[in-house]
N, C-alpha and C. Protein backbone atom coordinates (compact mmCIF):
# COMPACT_ATOMS: atom_id res chain seq x y z
N MET A 1 -50.30 -11.40 50.68
CA MET A 1 -48.97 -10.80 50.65
C MET A 1 -48.28 -11.09 51.98
N ARG A 2 -47.06 -11.57 51.89
CA ARG A 2 -46.26 -11.83 53.09
C ARG A 2 -45.07 -10.88 53.09
N GLN A 3 -44.50 -10.70 54.28
CA GLN A 3 -43.28 -9.89 54.36
C GLN A 3 -42.27 -10.56 55.27
N PHE A 4 -41.01 -10.33 54.94
CA PHE A 4 -39.90 -10.92 55.66
C PHE A 4 -38.83 -9.86 55.83
N SER A 5 -38.01 -10.01 56.86
CA SER A 5 -36.86 -9.11 57.03
C SER A 5 -35.68 -9.89 57.56
N HIS A 6 -34.50 -9.34 57.32
CA HIS A 6 -33.26 -10.02 57.68
C HIS A 6 -32.14 -8.99 57.70
N ARG A 7 -31.15 -9.21 58.55
CA ARG A 7 -29.92 -8.41 58.53
C ARG A 7 -28.79 -9.27 57.99
N LEU A 8 -28.11 -8.75 57.00
CA LEU A 8 -27.02 -9.46 56.35
C LEU A 8 -25.71 -8.76 56.68
N SER A 9 -24.73 -9.51 57.15
CA SER A 9 -23.42 -8.98 57.49
C SER A 9 -22.48 -9.13 56.29
N VAL A 10 -21.74 -8.07 56.00
CA VAL A 10 -20.76 -8.10 54.91
C VAL A 10 -19.45 -7.54 55.45
N SER A 11 -18.38 -8.31 55.31
CA SER A 11 -17.05 -7.84 55.72
C SER A 11 -16.32 -7.33 54.49
N THR A 12 -15.69 -6.16 54.63
CA THR A 12 -14.92 -5.60 53.53
C THR A 12 -13.44 -5.57 53.91
N ARG A 13 -12.60 -5.47 52.89
CA ARG A 13 -11.15 -5.42 53.10
C ARG A 13 -10.60 -4.03 52.81
N GLY A 14 -11.49 -3.06 52.68
CA GLY A 14 -11.09 -1.71 52.31
C GLY A 14 -11.86 -1.26 51.09
N LYS A 15 -11.45 -0.15 50.52
CA LYS A 15 -12.17 0.44 49.38
C LYS A 15 -12.41 -0.55 48.26
N GLY A 16 -13.60 -0.42 47.66
CA GLY A 16 -13.91 -1.24 46.51
C GLY A 16 -15.36 -1.68 46.50
N LEU A 17 -15.71 -2.42 45.47
CA LEU A 17 -17.06 -2.95 45.32
C LEU A 17 -17.07 -4.43 45.68
N TYR A 18 -18.03 -4.82 46.50
CA TYR A 18 -18.16 -6.19 46.98
C TYR A 18 -19.52 -6.72 46.55
N GLU A 19 -19.52 -7.71 45.68
CA GLU A 19 -20.79 -8.21 45.18
C GLU A 19 -21.53 -9.01 46.25
N VAL A 20 -22.80 -8.71 46.42
CA VAL A 20 -23.64 -9.38 47.41
C VAL A 20 -24.84 -10.08 46.75
N THR A 21 -24.87 -10.14 45.44
CA THR A 21 -26.00 -10.72 44.72
C THR A 21 -26.30 -12.14 45.17
N SER A 22 -25.29 -12.99 45.27
CA SER A 22 -25.51 -14.39 45.67
C SER A 22 -26.06 -14.49 47.08
N ALA A 23 -25.54 -13.68 47.99
CA ALA A 23 -26.04 -13.71 49.37
C ALA A 23 -27.51 -13.30 49.42
N LEU A 24 -27.88 -12.29 48.64
CA LEU A 24 -29.28 -11.87 48.58
C LEU A 24 -30.15 -12.98 48.00
N GLN A 25 -29.69 -13.57 46.91
CA GLN A 25 -30.46 -14.62 46.25
C GLN A 25 -30.61 -15.85 47.15
N ASN A 26 -29.57 -16.20 47.88
CA ASN A 26 -29.65 -17.34 48.80
C ASN A 26 -30.70 -17.11 49.88
N TRP A 27 -30.74 -15.90 50.43
CA TRP A 27 -31.75 -15.58 51.44
C TRP A 27 -33.15 -15.61 50.83
N LEU A 28 -33.29 -15.08 49.62
CA LEU A 28 -34.59 -15.07 48.95
C LEU A 28 -35.12 -16.47 48.73
N GLN A 29 -34.27 -17.38 48.30
CA GLN A 29 -34.70 -18.76 48.05
C GLN A 29 -35.26 -19.41 49.30
N ALA A 30 -34.70 -19.09 50.45
CA ALA A 30 -35.18 -19.67 51.71
C ALA A 30 -36.56 -19.14 52.09
N GLN A 31 -36.99 -18.01 51.50
CA GLN A 31 -38.28 -17.43 51.84
C GLN A 31 -39.42 -18.01 50.99
N SER A 32 -39.10 -18.70 49.92
CA SER A 32 -40.10 -19.32 49.03
C SER A 32 -41.12 -18.32 48.50
N VAL A 33 -40.65 -17.15 48.11
CA VAL A 33 -41.51 -16.13 47.51
C VAL A 33 -41.22 -16.10 46.02
N GLN A 34 -42.27 -16.11 45.20
CA GLN A 34 -42.10 -16.14 43.76
C GLN A 34 -42.12 -14.77 43.09
N ALA A 35 -42.92 -13.85 43.65
CA ALA A 35 -43.04 -12.51 43.08
C ALA A 35 -43.11 -11.50 44.22
N GLY A 36 -42.45 -10.37 44.02
CA GLY A 36 -42.49 -9.36 45.07
C GLY A 36 -41.45 -8.28 44.84
N LEU A 37 -41.09 -7.64 45.94
CA LEU A 37 -40.13 -6.54 45.89
C LEU A 37 -39.18 -6.65 47.08
N LEU A 38 -37.89 -6.67 46.79
CA LEU A 38 -36.87 -6.70 47.82
C LEU A 38 -36.28 -5.30 47.97
N THR A 39 -36.27 -4.80 49.20
CA THR A 39 -35.59 -3.56 49.52
C THR A 39 -34.32 -3.91 50.28
N VAL A 40 -33.20 -3.36 49.84
CA VAL A 40 -31.91 -3.56 50.50
C VAL A 40 -31.46 -2.19 50.99
N PHE A 41 -31.16 -2.09 52.28
CA PHE A 41 -30.77 -0.82 52.89
C PHE A 41 -29.44 -1.02 53.61
N ILE A 42 -28.49 -0.12 53.40
CA ILE A 42 -27.21 -0.20 54.10
C ILE A 42 -27.26 0.71 55.32
N GLU A 43 -26.83 0.19 56.46
CA GLU A 43 -26.92 0.89 57.74
C GLU A 43 -25.67 1.72 58.05
N HIS A 44 -25.12 2.36 57.04
CA HIS A 44 -23.87 3.10 57.23
C HIS A 44 -23.86 4.36 56.37
N THR A 45 -23.05 5.34 56.76
CA THR A 45 -22.96 6.60 56.01
C THR A 45 -21.65 6.75 55.26
N SER A 46 -20.78 5.74 55.32
CA SER A 46 -19.51 5.82 54.60
C SER A 46 -19.33 4.62 53.66
N ALA A 47 -20.45 3.97 53.34
CA ALA A 47 -20.49 2.91 52.34
C ALA A 47 -21.86 3.03 51.68
N SER A 48 -22.03 2.42 50.51
CA SER A 48 -23.28 2.58 49.79
C SER A 48 -23.60 1.32 49.00
N LEU A 49 -24.68 1.39 48.24
CA LEU A 49 -25.14 0.28 47.41
C LEU A 49 -25.24 0.74 45.96
N VAL A 50 -24.89 -0.14 45.04
CA VAL A 50 -25.05 0.14 43.62
C VAL A 50 -25.40 -1.15 42.88
N ILE A 51 -26.13 -1.00 41.80
CA ILE A 51 -26.32 -2.09 40.84
C ILE A 51 -25.39 -1.76 39.69
N GLN A 52 -24.53 -2.72 39.36
CA GLN A 52 -23.49 -2.44 38.38
C GLN A 52 -23.15 -3.73 37.64
N GLU A 53 -22.38 -3.59 36.57
CA GLU A 53 -21.95 -4.77 35.80
C GLU A 53 -21.12 -5.70 36.68
N ASN A 54 -21.41 -7.00 36.58
CA ASN A 54 -20.66 -7.97 37.36
C ASN A 54 -19.85 -8.94 36.50
N ALA A 55 -19.79 -8.70 35.20
CA ALA A 55 -19.07 -9.61 34.31
C ALA A 55 -17.59 -9.26 34.17
N ASP A 56 -17.27 -7.99 34.17
CA ASP A 56 -15.89 -7.54 33.97
C ASP A 56 -15.47 -6.71 35.18
N THR A 57 -14.52 -7.21 35.95
CA THR A 57 -14.08 -6.50 37.16
C THR A 57 -13.42 -5.16 36.86
N ASP A 58 -13.01 -4.93 35.60
CA ASP A 58 -12.48 -3.62 35.25
C ASP A 58 -13.52 -2.52 35.44
N VAL A 59 -14.79 -2.84 35.24
CA VAL A 59 -15.86 -1.87 35.45
C VAL A 59 -15.85 -1.42 36.91
N GLN A 60 -15.74 -2.37 37.81
CA GLN A 60 -15.74 -2.04 39.25
C GLN A 60 -14.50 -1.23 39.63
N ARG A 61 -13.36 -1.60 39.10
CA ARG A 61 -12.13 -0.85 39.40
C ARG A 61 -12.20 0.56 38.81
N ASP A 62 -12.71 0.68 37.58
CA ASP A 62 -12.83 2.00 36.97
C ASP A 62 -13.80 2.88 37.75
N LEU A 63 -14.88 2.32 38.23
CA LEU A 63 -15.85 3.08 39.02
C LEU A 63 -15.21 3.58 40.32
N ALA A 64 -14.49 2.70 41.00
CA ALA A 64 -13.81 3.10 42.24
C ALA A 64 -12.76 4.17 41.96
N ASP A 65 -12.01 4.02 40.88
CA ASP A 65 -11.00 5.02 40.51
C ASP A 65 -11.65 6.37 40.19
N PHE A 66 -12.78 6.35 39.49
CA PHE A 66 -13.48 7.58 39.15
C PHE A 66 -13.88 8.34 40.42
N PHE A 67 -14.48 7.62 41.39
CA PHE A 67 -14.89 8.28 42.62
C PHE A 67 -13.69 8.83 43.39
N SER A 68 -12.54 8.17 43.31
CA SER A 68 -11.34 8.69 43.96
C SER A 68 -10.88 10.01 43.33
N ARG A 69 -11.07 10.13 42.01
CA ARG A 69 -10.71 11.39 41.34
C ARG A 69 -11.72 12.49 41.63
N VAL A 70 -13.00 12.16 41.64
CA VAL A 70 -14.06 13.16 41.83
C VAL A 70 -14.08 13.67 43.27
N VAL A 71 -13.83 12.76 44.22
CA VAL A 71 -13.84 13.13 45.64
C VAL A 71 -12.50 12.73 46.24
N PRO A 72 -11.50 13.60 46.11
CA PRO A 72 -10.15 13.25 46.57
C PRO A 72 -10.04 13.22 48.09
N GLU A 73 -9.07 12.46 48.56
CA GLU A 73 -8.77 12.40 49.99
C GLU A 73 -7.71 13.44 50.30
N ASP A 74 -8.17 14.67 50.49
CA ASP A 74 -7.28 15.79 50.77
C ASP A 74 -7.81 16.49 52.01
N GLY A 75 -7.12 16.29 53.13
CA GLY A 75 -7.55 16.85 54.41
C GLY A 75 -7.75 18.35 54.39
N ALA A 76 -7.09 19.06 53.47
CA ALA A 76 -7.24 20.51 53.39
C ALA A 76 -8.60 20.91 52.84
N LEU A 77 -9.32 19.98 52.22
CA LEU A 77 -10.61 20.30 51.61
C LEU A 77 -11.79 20.18 52.58
N TYR A 78 -11.61 19.48 53.73
CA TYR A 78 -12.74 19.14 54.59
C TYR A 78 -12.52 19.55 56.04
N ARG A 79 -13.61 19.86 56.71
CA ARG A 79 -13.56 20.14 58.14
C ARG A 79 -13.59 18.84 58.96
N HIS A 80 -14.41 17.88 58.51
CA HIS A 80 -14.58 16.62 59.25
C HIS A 80 -13.42 15.67 58.90
N THR A 81 -12.40 15.65 59.76
CA THR A 81 -11.23 14.80 59.51
C THR A 81 -10.87 13.97 60.74
N SER A 82 -11.75 13.94 61.74
CA SER A 82 -11.43 13.28 63.01
C SER A 82 -11.20 11.78 62.88
N GLU A 83 -11.75 11.14 61.85
CA GLU A 83 -11.56 9.70 61.68
C GLU A 83 -10.60 9.36 60.55
N GLY A 84 -9.83 10.34 60.12
CA GLY A 84 -8.84 10.08 59.09
C GLY A 84 -9.16 10.76 57.78
N PRO A 85 -8.19 10.78 56.87
CA PRO A 85 -8.35 11.51 55.62
C PRO A 85 -9.37 10.91 54.66
N ASP A 86 -9.76 9.64 54.88
CA ASP A 86 -10.73 9.00 53.98
C ASP A 86 -12.17 9.13 54.48
N ASP A 87 -12.36 9.68 55.70
CA ASP A 87 -13.70 9.69 56.30
C ASP A 87 -14.68 10.60 55.57
N MET A 88 -14.37 11.89 55.46
CA MET A 88 -15.31 12.81 54.80
C MET A 88 -15.48 12.47 53.33
N PRO A 89 -14.42 12.12 52.60
CA PRO A 89 -14.64 11.69 51.21
C PRO A 89 -15.58 10.48 51.13
N ALA A 90 -15.49 9.57 52.11
CA ALA A 90 -16.38 8.41 52.12
C ALA A 90 -17.84 8.85 52.27
N HIS A 91 -18.09 9.82 53.14
CA HIS A 91 -19.46 10.33 53.31
C HIS A 91 -19.97 10.98 52.02
N ILE A 92 -19.12 11.73 51.35
CA ILE A 92 -19.53 12.37 50.10
C ILE A 92 -19.81 11.32 49.03
N ARG A 93 -18.95 10.33 48.90
CA ARG A 93 -19.16 9.27 47.90
C ARG A 93 -20.46 8.52 48.18
N ALA A 94 -20.75 8.28 49.45
CA ALA A 94 -22.00 7.61 49.80
C ALA A 94 -23.20 8.48 49.44
N ALA A 95 -23.07 9.81 49.63
CA ALA A 95 -24.16 10.72 49.29
C ALA A 95 -24.41 10.76 47.78
N LEU A 96 -23.38 10.50 46.99
CA LEU A 96 -23.51 10.52 45.53
C LEU A 96 -24.06 9.21 44.96
N THR A 97 -24.11 8.19 45.77
CA THR A 97 -24.61 6.89 45.32
C THR A 97 -25.93 6.61 46.03
N GLN A 98 -26.14 5.42 46.55
CA GLN A 98 -27.43 5.08 47.13
C GLN A 98 -27.27 4.35 48.45
N SER A 99 -28.20 4.58 49.36
CA SER A 99 -28.23 3.84 50.62
C SER A 99 -29.30 2.77 50.60
N GLN A 100 -30.13 2.78 49.56
CA GLN A 100 -31.24 1.82 49.47
C GLN A 100 -31.50 1.45 48.02
N LEU A 101 -31.79 0.17 47.79
CA LEU A 101 -32.16 -0.30 46.46
C LEU A 101 -33.48 -1.05 46.57
N SER A 102 -34.32 -0.92 45.57
CA SER A 102 -35.54 -1.72 45.46
C SER A 102 -35.42 -2.56 44.20
N ILE A 103 -35.52 -3.89 44.37
CA ILE A 103 -35.31 -4.80 43.26
C ILE A 103 -36.52 -5.74 43.15
N PRO A 104 -37.17 -5.78 41.99
CA PRO A 104 -38.29 -6.70 41.81
C PRO A 104 -37.82 -8.16 41.89
N LEU A 105 -38.74 -9.00 42.30
CA LEU A 105 -38.52 -10.44 42.37
C LEU A 105 -39.47 -11.11 41.39
N SER A 106 -38.95 -11.94 40.51
CA SER A 106 -39.77 -12.64 39.52
C SER A 106 -39.35 -14.11 39.46
N GLU A 107 -40.31 -14.98 39.59
CA GLU A 107 -40.04 -16.42 39.58
C GLU A 107 -39.01 -16.81 40.64
N GLY A 108 -39.09 -16.15 41.78
CA GLY A 108 -38.23 -16.46 42.91
C GLY A 108 -36.81 -15.92 42.81
N ARG A 109 -36.53 -15.10 41.79
CA ARG A 109 -35.19 -14.58 41.59
C ARG A 109 -35.20 -13.06 41.46
N LEU A 110 -34.07 -12.45 41.78
CA LEU A 110 -33.93 -11.01 41.55
C LEU A 110 -34.07 -10.73 40.06
N ALA A 111 -34.87 -9.75 39.72
CA ALA A 111 -35.10 -9.41 38.31
C ALA A 111 -34.01 -8.46 37.81
N LEU A 112 -32.78 -8.96 37.82
CA LEU A 112 -31.63 -8.19 37.36
C LEU A 112 -31.34 -8.54 35.91
N GLY A 113 -30.74 -7.60 35.20
CA GLY A 113 -30.33 -7.85 33.82
C GLY A 113 -29.18 -8.82 33.76
N THR A 114 -28.86 -9.25 32.56
CA THR A 114 -27.84 -10.27 32.32
C THR A 114 -26.52 -9.97 33.01
N TRP A 115 -26.05 -8.73 32.93
CA TRP A 115 -24.74 -8.39 33.46
C TRP A 115 -24.81 -7.61 34.75
N GLN A 116 -25.99 -7.53 35.38
CA GLN A 116 -26.14 -6.74 36.59
C GLN A 116 -25.89 -7.55 37.85
N GLY A 117 -25.26 -6.89 38.82
CA GLY A 117 -25.08 -7.45 40.15
C GLY A 117 -25.31 -6.36 41.17
N VAL A 118 -25.58 -6.76 42.41
CA VAL A 118 -25.77 -5.83 43.51
C VAL A 118 -24.45 -5.79 44.29
N PHE A 119 -23.98 -4.57 44.53
CA PHE A 119 -22.69 -4.39 45.18
C PHE A 119 -22.80 -3.47 46.39
N LEU A 120 -22.07 -3.84 47.44
CA LEU A 120 -21.78 -2.92 48.52
C LEU A 120 -20.55 -2.15 48.07
N PHE A 121 -20.62 -0.84 48.10
CA PHE A 121 -19.51 0.02 47.67
C PHE A 121 -18.86 0.58 48.93
N GLU A 122 -17.72 0.00 49.30
CA GLU A 122 -16.99 0.44 50.50
C GLU A 122 -16.14 1.65 50.14
N HIS A 123 -16.33 2.74 50.89
CA HIS A 123 -15.62 3.98 50.61
C HIS A 123 -14.48 4.26 51.58
N ARG A 124 -14.32 3.42 52.60
CA ARG A 124 -13.24 3.62 53.58
C ARG A 124 -12.05 2.74 53.23
N ALA A 125 -10.85 3.20 53.63
CA ALA A 125 -9.61 2.50 53.29
C ALA A 125 -9.40 1.22 54.09
N ARG A 126 -9.81 1.22 55.34
CA ARG A 126 -9.55 0.03 56.17
C ARG A 126 -10.75 -0.93 56.13
N PRO A 127 -10.55 -2.18 56.52
CA PRO A 127 -11.65 -3.15 56.55
C PRO A 127 -12.77 -2.71 57.50
N HIS A 128 -13.98 -3.06 57.14
CA HIS A 128 -15.15 -2.76 57.96
C HIS A 128 -16.11 -3.94 57.97
N HIS A 129 -16.93 -3.95 58.97
CA HIS A 129 -18.03 -4.91 59.09
C HIS A 129 -19.30 -4.12 58.81
N ARG A 130 -19.96 -4.39 57.71
CA ARG A 130 -21.13 -3.62 57.28
C ARG A 130 -22.41 -4.46 57.42
N TRP A 131 -23.52 -3.77 57.65
CA TRP A 131 -24.82 -4.43 57.80
C TRP A 131 -25.78 -3.95 56.73
N LEU A 132 -26.45 -4.91 56.10
CA LEU A 132 -27.52 -4.62 55.16
C LEU A 132 -28.82 -5.12 55.77
N THR A 133 -29.85 -4.29 55.75
CA THR A 133 -31.18 -4.72 56.17
C THR A 133 -31.97 -5.07 54.92
N LEU A 134 -32.53 -6.26 54.91
CA LEU A 134 -33.33 -6.73 53.78
C LEU A 134 -34.79 -6.76 54.19
N HIS A 135 -35.66 -6.29 53.33
CA HIS A 135 -37.10 -6.34 53.56
C HIS A 135 -37.77 -6.82 52.28
N LEU A 136 -38.51 -7.89 52.40
CA LEU A 136 -39.16 -8.52 51.23
C LEU A 136 -40.66 -8.50 51.41
N LEU A 137 -41.36 -8.00 50.40
CA LEU A 137 -42.81 -8.10 50.30
C LEU A 137 -43.11 -8.97 49.11
N GLY A 138 -43.92 -10.00 49.29
CA GLY A 138 -44.20 -10.84 48.15
C GLY A 138 -45.15 -11.97 48.45
N GLU A 139 -45.33 -12.79 47.41
CA GLU A 139 -46.19 -13.96 47.54
C GLU A 139 -45.68 -15.09 46.67
């Protein structure tokens, strides 16, 4: 069993889902591992990770819209507002999703379903530079 790690940089343009599946797969191919487990961890508390449909962008827009309705940006609702009206809602949205994903690797590829992709879910309004830590165990 071998293990590898890497930090992946992702730039966002504001709220929304940013697919990172290809970037993950490109890194995996360079490791020459056929079977194993990839852990993806986001190093932030106002963005998150999700596995979601990647065929129809309406799914991603509907998901982002849903979270905006469930966790509104209303400064009167939160104590933590020092970084703007989107800060505390971003933390709540991140708490409702995931900061880490574990994805099996089979035949050198992510074992995702036909319509599945891995997304960074940016919860802040302005652009950010986000970091993902990748850890691979495999052979």
